[in-house]
Amino acid sequence: MYKTSIAVFVHHPECSIQSAHGIVRALALDHNVELITAKHLSDLNGFDVLAVPGGIGDSSSYHSILAPYAEHVHDYLSQGGRYLGICMGAYWAGPHYLNLLRNIDTVQYIKRPGADVRRSFGTVAQVVWQGRPEHMYFYDGCSLVGSKRNFQTIARYMNGDPAAVIQGAIGVIGPHPESDIYWYTKSYMQSYWHEYRHHKLLYNFVRKLLRH
């Protein structure tokens, strides 16, 4: 039986090993998941999905990390590949970087009107994921701002901004459904541990992405 192959890009700390491992844990049961580095981006043949995780750093680091391989990523997508971006990976799908999304801008949620998080630190943000309220791990993730006709909205922040969307072969998520138990060590965070329920949300998100 064929298993989907997923390449998870790691460039710590911007695309962190912690986020990458969370993606692996969420998806590896039914998919072949492989960690890759920049040198592998020039040949993504054999992978169904390129996953670019989140981490710590300024999104402008794209120009030194991913920009040299942008043409390879575009070629991969033109040949039927799919892109999954979480947090930093979602920012990099935006118009100032890889420019994968059509008429969608990736902007800081913490600077948006009505945002329930106003500072850049590890915390939880309230989202509604396919109609169900969740407190999802958040570290300065993006809102996906654009015409609703252009994409399928999977989750929204509490101010109404899209937090997770799929547009054709591109799926992007601002918060962190791949978060693991050791991300919740601070006392005020422990009550928000999702017991891997959010991994199932990510798993189903990728299933939707693969159907596009």
C-alpha atoms as a PDB file:
ATOM      1  CA  MET A   1       0.000   0.000   0.000  1.00  0.00           C
ATOM      2  CA  TYR A   2       1.374   3.382  -1.044  1.00  0.00           C
ATOM      3  CA  LYS A   3       2.388   5.758   1.737  1.00  0.00           C
ATOM      4  CA  THR A   4       2.629   9.479   1.119  1.00  0.00           C
ATOM      5  CA  SER A   5       6.182  10.808   1.469  1.00  0.00           C
ATOM      6  CA  ILE A   6       6.682  14.043   3.377  1.00  0.00           C
ATOM      7  CA  ALA A   7       9.938  16.014   3.525  1.00  0.00           C
ATOM      8  CA  VAL A   8      10.249  18.147   6.678  1.00  0.00           C
ATOM      9  CA  PHE A   9      12.749  20.972   6.256  1.00  0.00           C
ATOM     10  CA  VAL A  10      14.989  21.689   9.257  1.00  0.00           C
ATOM     11  CA  HIS A  11      17.109  24.803   9.694  1.00  0.00           C
ATOM     12  CA  HIS A  12      17.327  25.323  13.445  1.00  0.00           C
ATOM     13  CA  PRO A  13      16.235  27.605  15.089  1.00  0.00           C
ATOM     14  CA  GLU A  14      14.136  29.319  12.368  1.00  0.00           C
ATOM     15  CA  CYS A  15      12.662  25.992  11.243  1.00  0.00           C
ATOM     16  CA  SER A  16      13.299  24.282  14.516  1.00  0.00           C
ATOM     17  CA  ILE A  17      14.042  20.686  15.297  1.00  0.00           C
ATOM     18  CA  GLN A  18      11.290  20.807  17.943  1.00  0.00           C
ATOM     19  CA  SER A  19       8.653  21.843  15.415  1.00  0.00           C
ATOM     20  CA  ALA A  20       9.982  19.336  12.890  1.00  0.00           C
ATOM     21  CA  HIS A  21       9.800  16.517  15.427  1.00  0.00           C
ATOM     22  CA  GLY A  22       6.220  17.527  16.260  1.00  0.00           C
ATOM     23  CA  ILE A  23       5.279  17.253  12.593  1.00  0.00           C
ATOM     24  CA  VAL A  24       6.938  13.841  12.393  1.00  0.00           C
ATOM     25  CA  ARG A  25       5.072  12.639  15.473  1.00  0.00           C
ATOM     26  CA  ALA A  26       1.746  13.863  14.083  1.00  0.00           C
ATOM     27  CA  LEU A  27       2.166  12.378  10.608  1.00  0.00           C
ATOM     28  CA  ALA A  28       4.545   9.421  10.709  1.00  0.00           C
ATOM     29  CA  LEU A  29       1.957   6.742  11.489  1.00  0.00           C
ATOM     30  CA  ASP A  30       0.473   6.773   7.982  1.00  0.00           C
ATOM     31  CA  HIS A  31       3.157   8.648   6.025  1.00  0.00           C
ATOM     32  CA  ASN A  32       6.827   8.240   5.256  1.00  0.00           C
ATOM     33  CA  VAL A  33       8.330  11.331   6.889  1.00  0.00           C
ATOM     34  CA  GLU A  34      11.957  12.379   6.373  1.00  0.00           C
ATOM     35  CA  LEU A  35      13.902  15.293   7.850  1.00  0.00           C
ATOM     36  CA  ILE A  36      15.821  17.238   5.207  1.00  0.00           C
ATOM     37  CA  THR A  37      18.193  20.201   5.143  1.00  0.00           C
ATOM     38  CA  ALA A  38      18.763  22.940   2.569  1.00  0.00           C
ATOM     39  CA  LYS A  39      21.001  20.806   0.360  1.00  0.00           C
ATOM     40  CA  HIS A  40      18.068  18.470  -0.321  1.00  0.00           C
ATOM     41  CA  LEU A  41      15.770  21.242  -1.595  1.00  0.00           C
ATOM     42  CA  SER A  42      17.305  21.111  -5.054  1.00  0.00           C
ATOM     43  CA  ASP A  43      15.890  17.607  -5.566  1.00  0.00           C
ATOM     44  CA  LEU A  44      12.498  16.941  -3.982  1.00  0.00           C
ATOM     45  CA  ASN A  45      11.567  14.163  -6.399  1.00  0.00           C
ATOM     46  CA  GLY A  46       9.752  11.368  -4.600  1.00  0.00           C
ATOM     47  CA  PHE A  47       8.173  13.608  -1.969  1.00  0.00           C
ATOM     48  CA  ASP A  48       4.461  14.386  -2.039  1.00  0.00           C
ATOM     49  CA  VAL A  49       4.654  17.215   0.500  1.00  0.00           C
ATOM     50  CA  LEU A  50       7.330  19.696   1.518  1.00  0.00           C
ATOM     51  CA  ALA A  51       6.706  20.752   5.127  1.00  0.00           C
ATOM     52  CA  VAL A  52       8.398  23.906   6.407  1.00  0.00           C
ATOM     53  CA  PRO A  53       8.002  24.206  10.193  1.00  0.00           C
ATOM     54  CA  GLY A  54       8.207  27.115  12.590  1.00  0.00           C
ATOM     55  CA  GLY A  55      10.772  28.246  15.083  1.00  0.00           C
ATOM     56  CA  ILE A  56      12.458  31.331  16.476  1.00  0.00           C
ATOM     57  CA  GLY A  57      13.837  34.174  14.382  1.00  0.00           C
ATOM     58  CA  ASP A  58      12.937  36.941  11.977  1.00  0.00           C
ATOM     59  CA  SER A  59      11.101  35.963   8.809  1.00  0.00           C
ATOM     60  CA  SER A  60      13.618  38.018   6.797  1.00  0.00           C
ATOM     61  CA  SER A  61      16.087  35.176   7.417  1.00  0.00           C
ATOM     62  CA  TYR A  62      14.322  33.647   4.417  1.00  0.00           C
ATOM     63  CA  HIS A  63      16.736  35.521   2.140  1.00  0.00           C
ATOM     64  CA  SER A  64      19.745  33.598   3.419  1.00  0.00           C
ATOM     65  CA  ILE A  65      18.060  30.269   4.195  1.00  0.00           C
ATOM     66  CA  LEU A  66      15.425  29.520   1.566  1.00  0.00           C
ATOM     67  CA  ALA A  67      15.707  32.141  -1.187  1.00  0.00           C
ATOM     68  CA  PRO A  68      18.592  30.321  -2.948  1.00  0.00           C
ATOM     69  CA  TYR A  69      16.260  27.336  -3.399  1.00  0.00           C
ATOM     70  CA  ALA A  70      13.056  29.211  -4.279  1.00  0.00           C
ATOM     71  CA  GLU A  71      13.175  28.208  -7.932  1.00  0.00           C
ATOM     72  CA  HIS A  72      13.520  24.540  -6.956  1.00  0.00           C
ATOM     73  CA  VAL A  73      10.491  24.817  -4.657  1.00  0.00           C
ATOM     74  CA  HIS A  74       8.415  26.414  -7.419  1.00  0.00           C
ATOM     75  CA  ASP A  75       9.467  23.712  -9.874  1.00  0.00           C
ATOM     76  CA  TYR A  76       8.542  21.028  -7.347  1.00  0.00           C
ATOM     77  CA  LEU A  77       5.062  22.513  -6.882  1.00  0.00           C
ATOM     78  CA  SER A  78       4.543  22.919 -10.628  1.00  0.00           C
ATOM     79  CA  GLN A  79       5.159  19.173 -10.956  1.00  0.00           C
ATOM     80  CA  GLY A  80       2.425  18.251  -8.466  1.00  0.00           C
ATOM     81  CA  GLY A  81       4.086  18.679  -5.083  1.00  0.00           C
ATOM     82  CA  ARG A  82       2.371  20.266  -2.107  1.00  0.00           C
ATOM     83  CA  TYR A  83       3.597  22.740   0.496  1.00  0.00           C
ATOM     84  CA  LEU A  84       2.758  22.708   4.204  1.00  0.00           C
ATOM     85  CA  GLY A  85       3.908  25.779   6.127  1.00  0.00           C
ATOM     86  CA  ILE A  86       3.551  26.238   9.888  1.00  0.00           C
ATOM     87  CA  CYS A  87       4.361  29.565  11.580  1.00  0.00           C
ATOM     88  CA  MET A  88       7.677  30.565   9.926  1.00  0.00           C
ATOM     89  CA  GLY A  89       6.865  28.245   7.054  1.00  0.00           C
ATOM     90  CA  ALA A  90       3.519  30.008   6.656  1.00  0.00           C
ATOM     91  CA  TYR A  91       5.149  33.446   6.606  1.00  0.00           C
ATOM     92  CA  TRP A  92       7.575  32.238   3.943  1.00  0.00           C
ATOM     93  CA  ALA A  93       4.703  31.167   1.681  1.00  0.00           C
ATOM     94  CA  GLY A  94       3.632  34.822   1.543  1.00  0.00           C
ATOM     95  CA  PRO A  95       4.147  37.470  -1.152  1.00  0.00           C
ATOM     96  CA  HIS A  96       7.396  38.872   0.274  1.00  0.00           C
ATOM     97  CA  TYR A  97       9.136  35.500   0.261  1.00  0.00           C
ATOM     98  CA  LEU A  98       8.319  32.350  -1.779  1.00  0.00           C
ATOM     99  CA  ASN A  99       5.147  34.009  -3.085  1.00  0.00           C
ATOM    100  CA  LEU A 100       3.181  30.771  -3.227  1.00  0.00           C
ATOM    101  CA  LEU A 101      -0.193  32.153  -2.145  1.00  0.00           C
ATOM    102  CA  ARG A 102      -2.521  34.033  -4.498  1.00  0.00           C
ATOM    103  CA  ASN A 103      -3.975  37.260  -3.099  1.00  0.00           C
ATOM    104  CA  ILE A 104      -3.208  36.262   0.494  1.00  0.00           C
ATOM    105  CA  ASP A 105      -0.824  38.177   2.723  1.00  0.00           C
ATOM    106  CA  THR A 106       0.880  36.615   5.742  1.00  0.00           C
ATOM    107  CA  VAL A 107       0.919  39.263   8.480  1.00  0.00           C
ATOM    108  CA  GLN A 108       1.700  39.203  12.211  1.00  0.00           C
ATOM    109  CA  TYR A 109      -1.410  38.282  14.180  1.00  0.00           C
ATOM    110  CA  ILE A 110      -0.132  40.147  17.248  1.00  0.00           C
ATOM    111  CA  LYS A 111      -0.424  43.426  15.298  1.00  0.00           C
ATOM    112  CA  ARG A 112      -3.912  42.784  13.967  1.00  0.00           C
ATOM    113  CA  PRO A 113      -7.027  44.544  15.342  1.00  0.00           C
ATOM    114  CA  GLY A 114      -8.651  42.501  18.108  1.00  0.00           C
ATOM    115  CA  ALA A 115      -5.784  40.048  18.528  1.00  0.00           C
ATOM    116  CA  ASP A 116      -5.888  38.185  21.850  1.00  0.00           C
ATOM    117  CA  VAL A 117      -2.049  37.964  21.945  1.00  0.00           C
ATOM    118  CA  ARG A 118      -0.025  41.165  21.699  1.00  0.00           C
ATOM    119  CA  ARG A 119       3.574  40.112  22.350  1.00  0.00           C
ATOM    120  CA  SER A 120       6.044  37.748  20.732  1.00  0.00           C
ATOM    121  CA  PHE A 121       6.487  34.858  23.170  1.00  0.00           C
ATOM    122  CA  GLY A 122       5.456  31.237  23.568  1.00  0.00           C
ATOM    123  CA  THR A 123       1.839  31.086  24.731  1.00  0.00           C
ATOM    124  CA  VAL A 124      -1.547  29.896  23.477  1.00  0.00           C
ATOM    125  CA  ALA A 125      -3.956  31.695  21.193  1.00  0.00           C
ATOM    126  CA  GLN A 126      -7.657  31.012  20.992  1.00  0.00           C
ATOM    127  CA  VAL A 127      -8.712  29.578  17.643  1.00  0.00           C
ATOM    128  CA  VAL A 128     -11.827  27.994  16.243  1.00  0.00           C
ATOM    129  CA  TRP A 129     -10.697  24.970  14.242  1.00  0.00           C
ATOM    130  CA  GLN A 130     -13.493  23.661  12.009  1.00  0.00           C
ATOM    131  CA  GLY A 131     -16.116  24.948  14.412  1.00  0.00           C
ATOM    132  CA  ARG A 132     -14.448  23.763  17.607  1.00  0.00           C
ATOM    133  CA  PRO A 133     -12.792  26.191  20.060  1.00  0.00           C
ATOM    134  CA  GLU A 134      -9.172  25.371  20.888  1.00  0.00           C
ATOM    135  CA  HIS A 135      -6.296  26.973  22.779  1.00  0.00           C
ATOM    136  CA  MET A 136      -3.402  26.307  20.398  1.00  0.00           C
ATOM    137  CA  TYR A 137       0.307  26.861  20.999  1.00  0.00           C
ATOM    138  CA  PHE A 138       1.349  30.162  19.464  1.00  0.00           C
ATOM    139  CA  TYR A 139       4.629  32.005  18.941  1.00  0.00           C
ATOM    140  CA  ASP A 140       4.157  35.147  16.830  1.00  0.00           C
ATOM    141  CA  GLY A 141       2.352  33.290  14.070  1.00  0.00           C
ATOM    142  CA  CYS A 142       0.649  34.892  11.099  1.00  0.00           C
ATOM    143  CA  SER A 143      -2.852  35.775  10.034  1.00  0.00           C
ATOM    144  CA  LEU A 144      -3.774  34.863   6.459  1.00  0.00           C
ATOM    145  CA  VAL A 145      -5.366  38.014   5.119  1.00  0.00           C
ATOM    146  CA  GLY A 146      -7.180  38.041   1.782  1.00  0.00           C
ATOM    147  CA  SER A 147     -10.420  37.465  -0.047  1.00  0.00           C
ATOM    148  CA  LYS A 148     -12.384  34.558   1.412  1.00  0.00           C
ATOM    149  CA  ARG A 149     -13.178  33.358  -2.110  1.00  0.00           C
ATOM    150  CA  ASN A 150      -9.532  32.534  -2.704  1.00  0.00           C
ATOM    151  CA  PHE A 151      -9.026  29.758  -0.150  1.00  0.00           C
ATOM    152  CA  GLN A 152     -10.607  27.246   2.204  1.00  0.00           C
ATOM    153  CA  THR A 153     -10.482  28.420   5.803  1.00  0.00           C
ATOM    154  CA  ILE A 154      -9.837  25.618   8.284  1.00  0.00           C
ATOM    155  CA  ALA A 155      -9.332  27.713  11.434  1.00  0.00           C
ATOM    156  CA  ARG A 156      -9.787  31.291  12.627  1.00  0.00           C
ATOM    157  CA  TYR A 157      -8.339  33.355  15.428  1.00  0.00           C
ATOM    158  CA  MET A 158     -10.694  35.001  17.879  1.00  0.00           C
ATOM    159  CA  ASN A 159     -10.608  38.291  15.951  1.00  0.00           C
ATOM    160  CA  GLY A 160     -11.932  36.471  12.878  1.00  0.00           C
ATOM    161  CA  ASP A 161      -8.672  36.363  10.922  1.00  0.00           C
ATOM    162  CA  PRO A 162      -7.957  33.064   9.165  1.00  0.00           C
ATOM    163  CA  ALA A 163      -5.364  31.073  11.127  1.00  0.00           C
ATOM    164  CA  ALA A 164      -5.150  27.996   8.859  1.00  0.00           C
ATOM    165  CA  VAL A 165      -6.056  27.847   5.172  1.00  0.00           C
ATOM    166  CA  ILE A 166      -5.661  25.653   2.121  1.00  0.00           C
ATOM    167  CA  GLN A 167      -5.313  27.165  -1.331  1.00  0.00           C
ATOM    168  CA  GLY A 168      -4.786  24.532  -3.996  1.00  0.00           C
ATOM    169  CA  ALA A 169      -1.507  22.752  -3.263  1.00  0.00           C
ATOM    170  CA  ILE A 170      -0.571  25.169  -0.473  1.00  0.00           C
ATOM    171  CA  GLY A 171      -1.586  24.697   3.159  1.00  0.00           C
ATOM    172  CA  VAL A 172      -0.482  27.211   5.791  1.00  0.00           C
ATOM    173  CA  ILE A 173      -1.067  27.436   9.550  1.00  0.00           C
ATOM    174  CA  GLY A 174      -0.182  30.352  11.863  1.00  0.00           C
ATOM    175  CA  PRO A 175      -0.217  28.610  15.275  1.00  0.00           C
ATOM    176  CA  HIS A 176       1.358  25.247  16.175  1.00  0.00           C
ATOM    177  CA  PRO A 177      -0.878  22.146  16.082  1.00  0.00           C
ATOM    178  CA  GLU A 178       2.319  20.043  16.064  1.00  0.00           C
ATOM    179  CA  SER A 179       3.253  21.203  19.584  1.00  0.00           C
ATOM    180  CA  ASP A 180       4.486  18.497  21.949  1.00  0.00           C
ATOM    181  CA  ILE A 181       4.131  18.003  25.687  1.00  0.00           C
ATOM    182  CA  TYR A 182       7.534  19.501  26.522  1.00  0.00           C
ATOM    183  CA  TRP A 183       6.434  22.812  24.973  1.00  0.00           C
ATOM    184  CA  TYR A 184       4.057  23.237  27.937  1.00  0.00           C
ATOM    185  CA  THR A 185       6.499  23.247  30.843  1.00  0.00           C
ATOM    186  CA  LYS A 186       5.565  26.695  32.194  1.00  0.00           C
ATOM    187  CA  SER A 187       3.019  26.421  34.973  1.00  0.00           C
ATOM    188  CA  TYR A 188       0.445  28.686  33.310  1.00  0.00           C
ATOM    189  CA  MET A 189       0.695  26.615  30.109  1.00  0.00           C
ATOM    190  CA  GLN A 190       0.212  23.147  31.568  1.00  0.00           C
ATOM    191  CA  SER A 191      -3.560  23.300  31.725  1.00  0.00           C
ATOM    192  CA  TYR A 192      -3.632  23.952  27.962  1.00  0.00           C
ATOM    193  CA  TRP A 193      -1.814  20.739  27.002  1.00  0.00           C
ATOM    194  CA  HIS A 194      -3.978  19.122  24.307  1.00  0.00           C
ATOM    195  CA  GLU A 195      -2.967  15.490  24.900  1.00  0.00           C
ATOM    196  CA  TYR A 196      -2.059  15.170  21.195  1.00  0.00           C
ATOM    197  CA  ARG A 197      -5.538  16.135  20.045  1.00  0.00           C
ATOM    198  CA  HIS A 198      -3.955  18.923  17.970  1.00  0.00           C
ATOM    199  CA  HIS A 199      -1.735  16.381  16.218  1.00  0.00           C
ATOM    200  CA  LYS A 200      -4.916  14.789  14.906  1.00  0.00           C
ATOM    201  CA  LEU A 201      -6.032  18.200  13.626  1.00  0.00           C
ATOM    202  CA  LEU A 202      -2.746  18.545  11.749  1.00  0.00           C
ATOM    203  CA  TYR A 203      -3.054  15.010  10.399  1.00  0.00           C
ATOM    204  CA  ASN A 204      -6.524  15.770   9.013  1.00  0.00           C
ATOM    205  CA  PHE A 205      -5.303  19.111   7.622  1.00  0.00           C
ATOM    206  CA  VAL A 206      -2.636  17.275   5.622  1.00  0.00           C
ATOM    207  CA  ARG A 207      -5.208  14.771   4.399  1.00  0.00           C
ATOM    208  CA  LYS A 208      -7.269  17.668   3.041  1.00  0.00           C
ATOM    209  CA  LEU A 209      -4.179  19.194   1.458  1.00  0.00           C
ATOM    210  CA  LEU A 210      -3.375  15.915  -0.300  1.00  0.00           C
ATOM    211  CA  ARG A 211      -6.855  15.790  -1.813  1.00  0.00           C
ATOM    212  CA  HIS A 212      -6.367  19.158  -3.551  1.00  0.00           C
END
